[in-house]
Amino acid sequence: MAHVPMDDIEQIWNGIPSKSWDAMESYLINAKGKPEGISDTLVNMMLDFIPDWQDQPFPESPVELYNFVNDRLRMAA
């Protein structure tokens, strides 16, 4: 089962100035293919799911984002 580590979530959180699914999607697209940071496997997986998450309010903290993303990935497994 896929799991996004908290350090990756914090990297995403700190990298998006406006807290929204669109900003997260843009951040992940830019992170793709870089040797450092979040693995491309996790980037691709989250990019696949973001359209399904768009109807949910964006989490208000890194911990909420961590719980949201990992709960959704667990449900999809």
Protein backbone atom coordinates (compact mmCIF):
# COMPACT_ATOMS: atom_id res chain seq x y z
CA MET A 1 0.00 0.00 0.00
CA ALA A 2 1.28 3.46 -0.87
CA HIS A 3 2.11 5.89 1.90
CA VAL A 4 3.34 9.47 1.62
CA PRO A 5 5.83 10.21 4.42
CA MET A 6 5.34 13.29 6.60
CA ASP A 7 8.59 14.86 5.38
CA ASP A 8 7.25 14.74 1.80
CA ILE A 9 3.95 16.27 2.93
CA GLU A 10 5.84 19.05 4.73
CA GLN A 11 7.90 19.67 1.59
CA ILE A 12 4.70 20.02 -0.44
CA TRP A 13 3.04 22.22 2.22
CA ASN A 14 6.03 24.55 2.42
CA GLY A 15 6.32 24.68 -1.38
CA ILE A 16 2.81 25.89 -2.13
CA PRO A 17 2.11 29.56 -1.36
CA SER A 18 -1.66 29.28 -1.78
CA LYS A 19 -3.08 26.26 -0.04
CA SER A 20 -5.21 24.66 -2.75
CA TRP A 21 -5.41 21.49 -4.82
CA ASP A 22 -4.43 23.48 -7.93
CA ALA A 23 -1.30 24.80 -6.20
CA MET A 24 -0.42 21.31 -4.99
CA GLU A 25 -0.89 19.92 -8.49
CA SER A 26 1.41 22.60 -9.95
CA TYR A 27 4.01 21.94 -7.27
CA LEU A 28 3.96 18.19 -7.97
CA ILE A 29 4.24 18.70 -11.73
CA ASN A 30 7.33 20.86 -11.13
CA ALA A 31 8.78 18.32 -8.67
CA LYS A 32 8.48 15.48 -11.16
CA GLY A 33 11.75 14.16 -12.52
CA LYS A 34 13.99 15.92 -10.00
CA PRO A 35 16.64 13.73 -8.40
CA GLU A 36 16.07 15.17 -4.93
CA GLY A 37 12.80 15.40 -3.05
CA ILE A 38 9.65 13.38 -3.51
CA SER A 39 9.90 10.20 -5.56
CA ASP A 40 8.31 10.24 -9.00
CA THR A 41 6.22 7.23 -7.99
CA LEU A 42 4.54 9.22 -5.21
CA VAL A 43 4.29 12.34 -7.38
CA ASN A 44 2.53 10.42 -10.16
CA MET A 45 0.22 8.69 -7.71
CA MET A 46 -0.86 11.96 -6.09
CA LEU A 47 -1.28 13.63 -9.48
CA ASP A 48 -3.61 10.80 -10.49
CA PHE A 49 -5.78 11.35 -7.41
CA ILE A 50 -5.90 15.15 -7.19
CA PRO A 51 -8.83 15.45 -9.65
CA ASP A 52 -10.86 13.21 -7.32
CA TRP A 53 -9.91 15.35 -4.31
CA GLN A 54 -10.87 18.69 -5.90
CA ASP A 55 -14.38 18.61 -4.41
CA GLN A 56 -12.95 18.42 -0.86
CA PRO A 57 -11.73 21.47 1.06
CA PHE A 58 -7.96 21.74 1.10
CA PRO A 59 -6.55 20.73 4.49
CA GLU A 60 -5.59 23.53 6.88
CA SER A 61 -2.29 22.13 8.17
CA PRO A 62 0.48 19.75 7.14
CA VAL A 63 -0.87 17.14 9.59
CA GLU A 64 -4.35 17.41 8.08
CA LEU A 65 -2.88 17.10 4.58
CA TYR A 66 -0.86 14.05 5.68
CA ASN A 67 -3.96 12.39 7.13
CA PHE A 68 -6.14 13.30 4.14
CA VAL A 69 -3.70 12.05 1.49
CA ASN A 70 -2.82 8.82 3.26
CA ASP A 71 -6.44 8.04 4.21
CA ARG A 72 -7.49 8.48 0.57
CA LEU A 73 -4.62 6.33 -0.70
CA ARG A 74 -5.49 3.63 1.83
CA MET A 75 -9.15 3.65 0.71
CA ALA A 76 -8.10 3.37 -2.94
CA ALA A 77 -5.85 0.35 -2.32
